[in-house]
Amino acid sequence: MNQGKGCSCCKSVCPSSLAGKGVFKEILDCDTFKYYVDGEWRRSCSGHSVTINNPSTRKPLFKVQACTQEEVNRCIDSAKTAQKIWAKTPLWKRAEALHKVATILKEQKAPIADCLVKEVAKTSKDAVVEVVRSGDLVAYAAEEGIRILAEGKFLVSDPFPGNDRNKYCLSSKIPLGVVLAIPPFNYPVNLAVSKMAPALIAGNAVVLKPPTQGAVACLHMIHTFHLAGFPKGLISAVTGKGSDIGDYLTTHPGINCISFTGGCDTGIAISKKAGMIPLQMELGGKDSCIVLEDADLELAATNIIKGGFSYSGQRCTAVKVVLAMECIADALVCKINGKLCKLTVGMPEDDCDITPVISDTSANFIEGLVQDARCKGARFHQEWRREGNLIWPILIDFVRPDMRIAWEEPFGPILPVIRIKTVEEGIHHCNANNFALQGCVFTKSFDKAMMISDAMESGTIQINSAPGRGPDHFPFQGLRDSGVGSQGITNSINMMCKTKTTVMNFPSPTYAMG
């Protein structure tokens, strides 16, 4: 296994040289980043802050404001007022404003990416890709919003039995009101704008609650909306402890929609408390990869490495379990191991393939899954190695259903292989899991691919490719505990609208004359 430079977690990583500088200098107050409300960057009246650690050094890096419930009220009240005006803003002007944001995001990709490297241990290359992709998403949402929202629907009454043509129905899409956007740590910028841009083009206001890890990158992203000249109060970003403002936000009567990406337990808790408002939730996955006897094993192995170990496996769409037919399992495992040993392990600043996971808690959970599999007789193709939050990648073979790793989502660079005798056995394992976000099938048979895809009960099935969320206009949804609602730019715009209907009534059928 290759080891990148500076692999020791004891290596000191200096605080970001770009965060809070240049055009972003007004968001930083001494050593603490401000929160955003009423078009201004402010300090919290609480006088407290929340510390963000660098996952690589496990030492304090940034601080953000610990906002109060009163400040949450201020954000939501301002959003409700601004939204009424924004909803009356011509659609082309809304799109124009979003295009400005897209341009600024790309222009300022370096400082925002710098935050991602330090806050969530993302490599510089991947961090820049996330910011540029976010700009593209915002621009696409602007154009897609024009296409969707420009169209209404016209109906006449006489197709329904017993009716003459004496009613004309006009329906159109109108905004929901105030959307609460809660992105996760692993893609804090991209998954924030994937919620914000559809909401804004549809005429909604947005209150953003960033994740703790990734909050500073989110605040930099919010500043690009400020620089683009969005109306005061329309967009807010409130930071703080979930225990102080989390439930308060998600149960606030001023919130009209919640778009959340994150942990399953948190998402289910939100859904139980939120009441009768639209919910859009993506809550993780245990994405199954079924490899058939006729598969291109080189292609499969390449995608398994990419799908299982990109960003150290901290992706909801990562390959989480390989279900390999017994007759090709040895050859497949050999190919995977050959590629796995070439992965570099180290710090994100060195653009290593495997970088530290997000926290001690995450690393400890991953280690627990590994030790459980070891105790129950799984075969390890690499030695377990951990330094702080840095975990070396492992392929765990001959995994059985009684092992936790067969079912639980590790969110780390460990990948189990379950050897199956029949395709039906693989499909059953996929469908028996509480998570059902994505899956993939490797086979040269189009017929088999389609039949297995139909049988796998997951939101998306990839054929001969690793799971993935993009392109960002594709539908993206989970079944069972993996979420509710469907994402993707088009689906998000539609979900963040409601239908308004006007019916014109005539004293007699309109075709009575002539």
Protein backbone atom coordinates (compact mmCIF):
# COMPACT_ATOMS: atom_id res chain seq x y z
CA MET A 1 0.00 0.00 0.00
CA ASN A 2 1.42 3.36 -1.00
CA GLN A 3 1.74 5.91 1.72
CA GLY A 4 1.41 9.59 0.87
CA LYS A 5 3.61 12.28 2.32
CA GLY A 6 2.74 13.45 5.81
CA CYS A 7 0.63 10.44 6.71
CA SER A 8 1.02 10.90 10.45
CA CYS A 9 -1.93 12.56 12.13
CA CYS A 10 0.53 14.28 14.45
CA LYS A 11 1.71 16.43 11.58
CA SER A 12 0.70 20.04 12.18
CA VAL A 13 -1.62 21.61 9.62
CA CYS A 14 -1.75 25.40 9.75
CA PRO A 15 -5.14 27.12 9.77
CA SER A 16 -6.46 28.10 6.37
CA SER A 17 -4.62 30.97 4.81
CA LEU A 18 -7.57 31.82 2.57
CA ALA A 19 -10.64 31.46 4.80
CA GLY A 20 -12.16 34.76 5.83
CA LYS A 21 -9.82 36.75 3.60
CA GLY A 22 -10.25 38.91 0.52
CA VAL A 23 -13.90 39.30 -0.47
CA PHE A 24 -14.81 37.10 2.51
CA LYS A 25 -13.16 39.22 5.19
CA GLU A 26 -16.44 40.62 6.56
CA ILE A 27 -17.68 37.19 7.58
CA LEU A 28 -14.87 36.78 10.14
CA ASP A 29 -14.81 38.54 13.51
CA CYS A 30 -11.40 38.08 15.16
CA ASP A 31 -11.24 34.27 15.32
CA THR A 32 -14.95 33.48 14.96
CA PHE A 33 -17.08 33.40 11.82
CA LYS A 34 -20.35 35.32 11.94
CA TYR A 35 -23.82 34.14 11.07
CA TYR A 36 -25.94 35.72 8.31
CA VAL A 37 -29.31 37.44 8.69
CA ASP A 38 -31.06 40.44 7.11
CA GLY A 39 -28.30 40.75 4.53
CA GLU A 40 -25.65 41.25 7.25
CA TRP A 41 -22.96 39.24 8.99
CA ARG A 42 -23.46 39.36 12.73
CA ARG A 43 -22.14 38.11 16.05
CA SER A 44 -24.51 36.10 18.19
CA CYS A 45 -25.84 37.74 21.31
CA SER A 46 -25.16 34.46 23.12
CA GLY A 47 -21.50 35.37 23.39
CA HIS A 48 -20.64 31.70 22.75
CA SER A 49 -19.14 29.84 19.84
CA VAL A 50 -18.85 26.31 18.48
CA THR A 51 -15.39 24.93 17.75
CA ILE A 52 -14.64 23.08 14.52
CA ASN A 53 -11.73 20.65 14.62
CA ASN A 54 -9.45 19.76 11.74
CA PRO A 55 -10.09 16.03 11.13
CA SER A 56 -6.46 15.53 10.12
CA THR A 57 -4.83 17.06 13.21
CA ARG A 58 -7.86 16.61 15.51
CA LYS A 59 -7.07 20.08 16.81
CA PRO A 60 -9.29 23.21 16.88
CA LEU A 61 -9.36 25.01 13.56
CA PHE A 62 -12.32 27.42 13.27
CA LYS A 63 -15.09 28.82 15.44
CA VAL A 64 -18.64 29.74 14.43
CA GLN A 65 -21.38 31.55 16.32
CA ALA A 66 -23.58 29.62 18.75
CA CYS A 67 -26.87 31.24 17.77
CA THR A 68 -29.86 31.44 20.07
CA GLN A 69 -33.50 30.53 19.51
CA GLU A 70 -34.32 34.24 19.43
CA GLU A 71 -31.87 34.65 16.56
CA VAL A 72 -33.50 31.73 14.77
CA ASN A 73 -36.82 33.56 15.14
CA ARG A 74 -35.26 36.66 13.60
CA CYS A 75 -33.99 34.68 10.61
CA ILE A 76 -37.35 33.05 9.98
CA ASP A 77 -39.35 36.26 10.45
CA SER A 78 -37.06 38.08 8.01
CA ALA A 79 -37.34 35.20 5.56
CA LYS A 80 -41.14 35.26 5.65
CA THR A 81 -41.21 38.99 4.91
CA ALA A 82 -38.59 38.83 2.14
CA GLN A 83 -40.21 35.79 0.53
CA LYS A 84 -43.45 37.66 -0.17
CA ILE A 85 -41.52 40.20 -2.21
CA TRP A 86 -39.26 37.62 -3.86
CA ALA A 87 -42.27 35.60 -5.03
CA LYS A 88 -43.43 38.67 -6.99
CA THR A 89 -40.01 39.14 -8.60
CA PRO A 90 -40.12 38.22 -12.31
CA LEU A 91 -38.81 34.75 -12.96
CA TRP A 92 -36.11 35.98 -15.31
CA LYS A 93 -34.74 38.25 -12.57
CA ARG A 94 -34.57 35.34 -10.14
CA ALA A 95 -32.67 33.34 -12.74
CA GLU A 96 -30.34 36.27 -13.42
CA ALA A 97 -29.46 36.51 -9.73
CA LEU A 98 -28.68 32.80 -9.55
CA HIS A 99 -26.43 33.06 -12.60
CA LYS A 100 -24.47 35.75 -10.76
CA VAL A 101 -24.01 33.38 -7.83
CA ALA A 102 -22.79 30.63 -10.17
CA THR A 103 -20.18 32.96 -11.62
CA ILE A 104 -18.95 34.17 -8.23
CA LEU A 105 -18.78 30.62 -6.85
CA LYS A 106 -16.45 29.60 -9.63
CA GLU A 107 -14.38 32.77 -9.32
CA GLN A 108 -13.96 32.15 -5.58
CA LYS A 109 -13.39 28.41 -5.78
CA ALA A 110 -9.93 28.57 -4.17
CA PRO A 111 -10.85 29.99 -0.73
CA ILE A 112 -14.01 27.87 -0.49
CA ALA A 113 -12.12 24.74 -1.48
CA ASP A 114 -9.45 25.64 1.05
CA CYS A 115 -12.09 25.50 3.79
CA LEU A 116 -13.22 22.06 2.61
CA VAL A 117 -9.67 20.71 2.77
CA LYS A 118 -9.24 21.90 6.36
CA GLU A 119 -12.76 21.22 7.69
CA VAL A 120 -13.70 17.88 6.13
CA ALA A 121 -10.31 16.49 4.97
CA LYS A 122 -11.25 16.59 1.31
CA THR A 123 -8.36 16.66 -1.15
CA SER A 124 -7.66 19.96 -2.89
CA LYS A 125 -8.64 18.52 -6.26
CA ASP A 126 -11.93 17.11 -5.01
CA ALA A 127 -12.69 20.29 -3.06
CA VAL A 128 -12.30 22.46 -6.15
CA VAL A 129 -14.48 20.03 -8.12
CA GLU A 130 -17.20 20.33 -5.48
CA VAL A 131 -17.24 24.13 -5.69
CA VAL A 132 -17.21 24.24 -9.50
CA ARG A 133 -19.92 21.57 -9.64
CA SER A 134 -21.96 23.69 -7.24
CA GLY A 135 -21.69 26.68 -9.56
CA ASP A 136 -22.85 24.53 -12.46
CA LEU A 137 -25.76 23.26 -10.37
CA VAL A 138 -26.90 26.79 -9.51
CA ALA A 139 -26.75 27.86 -13.16
CA TYR A 140 -28.66 24.78 -14.32
CA ALA A 141 -31.31 25.31 -11.64
CA ALA A 142 -31.84 28.85 -12.91
CA GLU A 143 -32.50 27.63 -16.44
CA GLU A 144 -34.54 24.60 -15.40
CA GLY A 145 -36.66 26.81 -13.18
CA ILE A 146 -37.56 28.98 -16.13
CA ARG A 147 -38.56 25.92 -18.15
CA ILE A 148 -40.67 24.39 -15.37
CA LEU A 149 -42.26 27.47 -13.85
CA ALA A 150 -43.11 29.15 -17.14
CA GLU A 151 -45.64 26.42 -17.86
CA GLY A 152 -49.10 26.19 -16.37
CA LYS A 153 -51.91 23.79 -17.12
CA PHE A 154 -55.26 24.40 -18.78
CA LEU A 155 -58.20 22.02 -18.35
CA VAL A 156 -61.80 22.09 -19.49
CA SER A 157 -64.63 20.42 -17.61
CA ASP A 158 -66.48 18.35 -20.19
CA PRO A 159 -64.12 15.34 -20.42
CA PHE A 160 -65.42 14.21 -17.00
CA PRO A 161 -68.80 12.40 -17.17
CA GLY A 162 -71.84 14.55 -16.40
CA ASN A 163 -70.15 17.87 -17.17
CA ASP A 164 -70.55 20.36 -19.98
CA ARG A 165 -67.78 22.74 -21.01
CA ASN A 166 -68.81 25.48 -18.59
CA LYS A 167 -65.65 25.51 -16.46
CA TYR A 168 -62.09 26.44 -17.41
CA CYS A 169 -59.30 25.47 -15.01
CA LEU A 170 -55.95 27.27 -14.94
CA SER A 171 -53.24 25.87 -12.64
CA SER A 172 -49.70 27.05 -11.97
CA LYS A 173 -46.88 26.47 -9.51
CA ILE A 174 -46.35 28.84 -6.59
CA PRO A 175 -43.69 28.76 -3.84
CA LEU A 176 -44.13 26.99 -0.51
CA GLY A 177 -42.69 29.83 1.59
CA VAL A 178 -39.61 29.33 3.78
CA VAL A 179 -37.39 26.29 3.10
CA LEU A 180 -35.07 24.97 5.80
CA ALA A 181 -31.95 23.49 4.18
CA ILE A 182 -29.73 21.16 6.21
CA PRO A 183 -26.75 19.70 4.31
CA PRO A 184 -24.25 17.09 5.61
CA PHE A 185 -20.52 17.39 6.29
CA ASN A 186 -19.29 15.35 3.34
CA TYR A 187 -20.54 17.71 0.59
CA PRO A 188 -21.48 20.80 2.59
CA VAL A 189 -21.33 23.26 -0.30
CA ASN A 190 -22.76 21.13 -3.10
CA LEU A 191 -25.59 19.64 -1.07
CA ALA A 192 -26.42 23.06 0.35
CA VAL A 193 -26.82 24.67 -3.08
CA SER A 194 -28.71 21.59 -4.34
CA LYS A 195 -31.39 22.63 -1.86
CA MET A 196 -31.03 26.40 -2.04
CA ALA A 197 -31.00 26.98 -5.80
CA PRO A 198 -34.25 25.07 -6.55
CA ALA A 199 -35.92 26.74 -3.57
CA LEU A 200 -34.90 30.23 -4.65
CA ILE A 201 -35.75 29.93 -8.33
CA ALA A 202 -39.20 28.68 -7.26
CA GLY A 203 -39.73 31.87 -5.25
CA ASN A 204 -39.01 30.58 -1.75
CA ALA A 205 -36.83 32.01 1.01
CA VAL A 206 -34.09 29.85 2.55
CA VAL A 207 -32.79 29.34 6.05
CA LEU A 208 -29.56 27.32 5.97
CA LYS A 209 -28.40 25.31 8.98
CA PRO A 210 -24.87 24.19 8.03
CA PRO A 211 -23.30 21.05 9.49
CA THR A 212 -20.74 21.79 12.20
CA GLN A 213 -17.93 20.27 10.14
CA GLY A 214 -18.26 22.18 6.89
CA ALA A 215 -19.95 25.23 8.41
CA VAL A 216 -17.21 27.67 7.40
CA ALA A 217 -17.26 26.46 3.79
CA CYS A 218 -21.05 26.92 3.85
CA LEU A 219 -20.72 30.46 5.22
CA HIS A 220 -18.28 31.33 2.44
CA MET A 221 -20.79 29.93 -0.06
CA ILE A 222 -23.58 32.02 1.49
CA HIS A 223 -21.43 35.12 1.02
CA THR A 224 -21.49 34.54 -2.75
CA PHE A 225 -25.28 35.01 -2.60
CA HIS A 226 -24.67 38.19 -0.61
CA LEU A 227 -22.21 39.43 -3.23
CA ALA A 228 -24.73 38.62 -5.96
CA GLY A 229 -27.17 41.10 -4.38
CA PHE A 230 -29.99 38.88 -3.15
CA PRO A 231 -32.66 40.76 -1.16
CA LYS A 232 -32.09 41.23 2.56
CA GLY A 233 -33.71 38.55 4.67
CA LEU A 234 -34.32 36.15 1.79
CA ILE A 235 -31.35 33.96 2.75
CA SER A 236 -30.12 33.29 6.27
CA ALA A 237 -27.40 31.05 7.64
CA VAL A 238 -27.67 30.17 11.31
CA THR A 239 -24.95 28.20 13.09
CA GLY A 240 -24.93 26.55 16.49
CA LYS A 241 -25.35 23.37 18.44
CA GLY A 242 -28.08 21.02 17.35
CA SER A 243 -29.08 20.59 20.98
CA ASP A 244 -29.78 24.32 21.20
CA ILE A 245 -31.39 25.15 17.86
CA GLY A 246 -31.80 21.87 15.93
CA ASP A 247 -35.24 20.79 17.11
CA TYR A 248 -36.29 24.41 17.40
CA LEU A 249 -35.59 24.96 13.70
CA THR A 250 -37.20 21.77 12.43
CA THR A 251 -40.39 22.25 14.45
CA HIS A 252 -40.70 26.01 13.95
CA PRO A 253 -44.15 26.98 12.64
CA GLY A 254 -42.56 29.46 10.23
CA ILE A 255 -40.81 26.69 8.27
CA ASN A 256 -42.83 25.46 5.26
CA CYS A 257 -40.47 22.77 3.92
CA ILE A 258 -37.42 20.85 5.13
CA SER A 259 -34.70 19.48 2.87
CA PHE A 260 -32.30 17.38 4.92
CA THR A 261 -29.33 15.19 4.07
CA GLY A 262 -27.67 13.34 6.91
CA GLY A 263 -27.93 10.50 9.39
CA CYS A 264 -30.87 8.11 9.41
CA ASP A 265 -31.69 8.51 13.10
CA THR A 266 -31.68 12.29 12.85
CA GLY A 267 -33.77 12.26 9.70
CA ILE A 268 -36.40 9.96 11.16
CA ALA A 269 -36.56 12.12 14.30
CA ILE A 270 -37.09 15.23 12.17
CA SER A 271 -39.82 13.56 10.12
CA LYS A 272 -41.72 12.57 13.27
CA LYS A 273 -41.63 16.10 14.66
CA ALA A 274 -41.95 18.27 11.55
CA GLY A 275 -45.71 18.03 11.11
CA MET A 276 -47.62 18.52 7.88
CA ILE A 277 -44.98 20.13 5.70
CA PRO A 278 -43.20 18.72 2.63
CA LEU A 279 -40.05 16.77 3.48
CA GLN A 280 -37.12 15.91 1.24
CA MET A 281 -34.68 13.58 2.98
CA GLU A 282 -31.69 11.50 1.98
CA LEU A 283 -30.51 9.46 4.96
CA GLY A 284 -27.67 7.23 3.80
CA GLY A 285 -27.27 3.88 2.13
CA LYS A 286 -25.75 0.43 2.15
CA ASP A 287 -25.28 0.32 -1.60
CA SER A 288 -24.96 -3.25 -2.91
CA CYS A 289 -22.73 -4.17 -5.84
CA ILE A 290 -23.74 -7.46 -7.50
CA VAL A 291 -21.07 -8.96 -9.77
CA LEU A 292 -22.22 -11.78 -12.07
CA GLU A 293 -20.13 -14.58 -13.57
CA ASP A 294 -20.16 -12.93 -17.03
CA ALA A 295 -19.03 -9.50 -15.80
CA ASP A 296 -16.01 -7.62 -17.08
CA LEU A 297 -13.98 -8.09 -13.88
CA GLU A 298 -11.49 -5.35 -14.70
CA LEU A 299 -14.33 -2.87 -15.13
CA ALA A 300 -16.01 -4.12 -11.98
CA ALA A 301 -12.85 -3.91 -9.87
CA THR A 302 -12.06 -0.39 -11.11
CA ASN A 303 -15.54 0.81 -10.21
CA ILE A 304 -15.53 -0.97 -6.86
CA ILE A 305 -12.32 0.83 -5.91
CA LYS A 306 -13.73 4.13 -7.11
CA GLY A 307 -17.12 3.54 -5.54
CA GLY A 308 -15.89 2.08 -2.28
CA PHE A 309 -12.89 4.24 -1.43
CA SER A 310 -13.35 7.70 -2.98
CA TYR A 311 -13.29 10.31 -0.20
CA SER A 312 -12.36 7.46 2.16
CA GLY A 313 -15.78 5.87 1.67
CA GLN A 314 -17.57 8.84 3.28
CA ARG A 315 -20.28 9.02 0.64
CA CYS A 316 -23.89 7.92 0.84
CA THR A 317 -23.53 6.48 -2.66
CA ALA A 318 -20.32 4.58 -1.92
CA VAL A 319 -20.21 0.87 -2.68
CA LYS A 320 -20.86 -0.54 0.81
CA VAL A 321 -21.02 -4.29 0.11
CA VAL A 322 -19.84 -6.45 -2.82
CA LEU A 323 -22.00 -9.48 -3.61
CA ALA A 324 -19.85 -11.65 -5.88
CA MET A 325 -20.81 -14.92 -7.52
CA GLU A 326 -18.61 -17.66 -6.04
CA CYS A 327 -17.22 -18.77 -9.40
CA ILE A 328 -15.57 -15.38 -10.05
CA ALA A 329 -15.06 -14.15 -6.48
CA ASP A 330 -11.38 -15.16 -6.21
CA ALA A 331 -10.49 -13.46 -9.49
CA LEU A 332 -12.49 -10.33 -8.60
CA VAL A 333 -10.95 -10.05 -5.14
CA CYS A 334 -7.48 -10.45 -6.65
CA LYS A 335 -8.12 -7.55 -9.04
CA ILE A 336 -9.59 -5.35 -6.29
CA ASN A 337 -6.59 -6.01 -4.04
CA GLY A 338 -4.20 -5.19 -6.86
CA LYS A 339 -5.79 -1.79 -7.24
CA LEU A 340 -6.32 -1.19 -3.53
CA CYS A 341 -2.60 -1.54 -2.76
CA LYS A 342 -1.90 1.38 -5.12
CA LEU A 343 -4.05 3.83 -3.14
CA THR A 344 -2.10 6.49 -1.31
CA VAL A 345 -2.85 7.14 2.34
CA GLY A 346 -2.21 10.44 4.09
CA MET A 347 -3.24 14.05 4.41
CA PRO A 348 -5.70 15.90 2.14
CA GLU A 349 -3.13 18.62 1.48
CA ASP A 350 -1.06 15.95 -0.28
CA ASP A 351 -4.02 14.89 -2.43
CA CYS A 352 -3.85 11.34 -1.07
CA ASP A 353 -6.54 8.87 -2.07
CA ILE A 354 -7.38 7.94 1.53
CA THR A 355 -7.55 10.81 4.03
CA PRO A 356 -8.71 10.99 7.67
CA VAL A 357 -12.37 10.32 8.39
CA ILE A 358 -14.37 13.16 9.86
CA SER A 359 -14.12 12.49 13.61
CA ASP A 360 -12.99 10.26 16.45
CA THR A 361 -16.58 9.06 16.82
CA SER A 362 -16.67 7.96 13.17
CA ALA A 363 -13.27 6.26 13.39
CA ASN A 364 -14.29 4.41 16.54
CA PHE A 365 -17.52 3.21 14.92
CA ILE A 366 -15.60 1.92 11.89
CA GLU A 367 -13.14 0.11 14.15
CA GLY A 368 -16.05 -1.52 15.97
CA LEU A 369 -17.38 -2.95 12.69
CA VAL A 370 -13.93 -4.25 11.78
CA GLN A 371 -13.38 -5.95 15.13
CA ASP A 372 -16.82 -7.55 14.99
CA ALA A 373 -16.02 -9.05 11.58
CA ARG A 374 -12.61 -10.24 12.79
CA CYS A 375 -14.11 -11.93 15.86
CA LYS A 376 -16.66 -13.74 13.68
CA GLY A 377 -14.10 -15.14 11.25
CA ALA A 378 -14.00 -12.81 8.23
CA ARG A 379 -10.82 -12.89 6.15
CA PHE A 380 -8.80 -9.66 6.01
CA HIS A 381 -6.70 -8.98 2.93
CA GLN A 382 -4.92 -6.09 4.66
CA GLU A 383 -3.86 -5.50 8.25
CA TRP A 384 -5.99 -3.16 10.36
CA ARG A 385 -4.13 0.12 10.74
CA ARG A 386 -5.30 3.37 12.26
CA GLU A 387 -3.55 6.57 13.30
CA GLY A 388 -6.01 8.96 14.90
CA ASN A 389 -8.76 9.49 12.33
CA LEU A 390 -6.66 8.09 9.48
CA ILE A 391 -7.73 4.54 8.62
CA TRP A 392 -5.92 2.45 6.03
CA PRO A 393 -8.28 0.83 3.49
CA ILE A 394 -9.29 -2.80 4.02
CA LEU A 395 -11.08 -5.40 1.92
CA ILE A 396 -12.92 -7.80 4.23
CA ASP A 397 -13.68 -11.15 2.54
CA PHE A 398 -15.97 -14.09 3.34
CA VAL A 399 -18.38 -11.83 5.20
CA ARG A 400 -21.51 -13.54 6.52
CA PRO A 401 -24.97 -12.13 7.30
CA ASP A 402 -24.35 -12.42 11.06
CA MET A 403 -21.62 -9.76 10.87
CA ARG A 404 -22.49 -6.11 11.47
CA ILE A 405 -20.47 -4.98 8.44
CA ALA A 406 -22.88 -6.92 6.20
CA TRP A 407 -25.69 -4.52 7.12
CA GLU A 408 -24.41 -1.32 8.73
CA GLU A 409 -23.10 1.70 6.86
CA PRO A 410 -19.45 2.27 7.88
CA PHE A 411 -18.83 5.62 6.17
CA GLY A 412 -15.17 4.75 5.98
CA PRO A 413 -12.56 2.98 3.83
CA ILE A 414 -13.58 -0.60 4.62
CA LEU A 415 -15.41 -2.83 2.16
CA PRO A 416 -17.01 -6.24 2.79
CA VAL A 417 -17.28 -9.01 0.19
CA ILE A 418 -20.09 -11.55 0.47
CA ARG A 419 -19.77 -14.59 -1.79
CA ILE A 420 -23.11 -15.71 -3.24
CA LYS A 421 -24.21 -18.89 -5.00
CA THR A 422 -27.16 -17.39 -6.89
CA VAL A 423 -28.29 -14.02 -8.18
CA GLU A 424 -31.43 -14.39 -6.07
CA GLU A 425 -29.23 -14.56 -2.96
CA GLY A 426 -27.64 -11.21 -3.87
CA ILE A 427 -31.00 -9.58 -4.59
CA HIS A 428 -32.36 -10.87 -1.29
CA HIS A 429 -29.43 -9.36 0.64
CA CYS A 430 -29.95 -6.01 -1.08
CA ASN A 431 -33.66 -5.97 -0.38
CA ALA A 432 -33.38 -7.17 3.23
CA ASN A 433 -31.43 -4.08 4.29
CA ASN A 434 -33.21 -1.11 5.87
CA PHE A 435 -31.20 1.17 3.60
CA ALA A 436 -32.16 1.32 -0.08
CA LEU A 437 -30.47 4.27 -1.74
CA GLN A 438 -28.53 2.88 -4.70
CA GLY A 439 -27.02 -0.31 -6.02
CA CYS A 440 -25.12 -1.54 -9.04
CA VAL A 441 -24.91 -4.63 -11.24
CA PHE A 442 -21.98 -5.80 -13.37
CA THR A 443 -22.88 -8.09 -16.25
CA LYS A 444 -22.51 -8.22 -20.03
CA SER A 445 -26.12 -9.31 -20.41
CA PHE A 446 -28.60 -6.51 -20.97
CA ASP A 447 -31.49 -8.86 -20.17
CA LYS A 448 -29.99 -9.90 -16.82
CA ALA A 449 -29.14 -6.29 -15.97
CA MET A 450 -32.70 -5.11 -16.47
CA MET A 451 -34.26 -8.04 -14.65
CA ILE A 452 -31.96 -7.64 -11.64
CA SER A 453 -32.46 -3.86 -11.64
CA ASP A 454 -36.21 -4.37 -11.50
CA ALA A 455 -35.83 -6.84 -8.63
CA MET A 456 -33.46 -4.68 -6.53
CA GLU A 457 -35.56 -2.45 -4.28
CA SER A 458 -33.33 0.65 -4.24
CA GLY A 459 -33.84 4.20 -5.44
CA THR A 460 -31.31 3.95 -8.27
CA ILE A 461 -29.53 1.00 -9.88
CA GLN A 462 -26.39 1.60 -11.92
CA ILE A 463 -25.52 -0.86 -14.67
CA ASN A 464 -21.77 -1.50 -15.10
CA SER A 465 -20.81 1.55 -13.05
CA ALA A 466 -20.36 2.49 -9.42
CA PRO A 467 -23.24 4.27 -7.68
CA GLY A 468 -23.26 8.05 -7.92
CA ARG A 469 -25.52 11.03 -7.34
CA GLY A 470 -24.85 12.92 -10.53
CA PRO A 471 -25.43 14.38 -12.95
CA ASP A 472 -27.30 16.71 -10.64
CA HIS A 473 -30.43 16.91 -12.78
CA PHE A 474 -31.01 13.14 -12.57
CA PRO A 475 -33.63 11.93 -10.07
CA PHE A 476 -32.02 10.89 -6.79
CA GLN A 477 -34.02 9.15 -4.10
CA GLY A 478 -33.88 6.49 -1.46
CA LEU A 479 -36.43 3.91 -0.36
CA ARG A 480 -37.18 2.66 3.15
CA ASP A 481 -34.80 4.24 5.70
CA SER A 482 -32.74 5.88 2.97
CA GLY A 483 -35.18 8.75 2.72
CA VAL A 484 -38.40 10.28 1.48
CA GLY A 485 -39.00 12.36 -1.61
CA SER A 486 -36.88 12.61 -4.72
CA GLN A 487 -34.04 15.03 -5.32
CA GLY A 488 -32.29 16.21 -8.47
CA ILE A 489 -32.72 19.77 -9.73
CA THR A 490 -35.99 19.17 -11.59
CA ASN A 491 -37.59 17.12 -8.83
CA SER A 492 -36.46 19.59 -6.17
CA ILE A 493 -38.01 22.55 -7.97
CA ASN A 494 -41.30 20.70 -8.33
CA MET A 495 -41.21 19.56 -4.70
CA MET A 496 -40.60 23.10 -3.44
CA CYS A 497 -43.74 24.38 -5.15
CA LYS A 498 -47.45 23.86 -4.61
CA THR A 499 -50.19 23.99 -7.20
CA LYS A 500 -52.54 26.98 -7.34
CA THR A 501 -55.73 26.60 -9.37
CA THR A 502 -58.17 29.19 -10.67
CA VAL A 503 -61.51 27.97 -12.09
CA MET A 504 -63.55 30.21 -14.38
CA ASN A 505 -67.27 29.38 -14.34
CA PHE A 506 -69.56 30.23 -17.26
CA PRO A 507 -73.38 30.42 -17.24
CA SER A 508 -73.60 28.04 -20.18
CA PRO A 509 -71.28 25.73 -22.13
CA THR A 510 -68.72 27.74 -24.09
CA TYR A 511 -69.40 25.77 -27.28
CA ALA A 512 -73.11 26.69 -27.20
CA MET A 513 -72.70 29.64 -29.54
CA GLY A 514 -72.19 29.50 -33.28
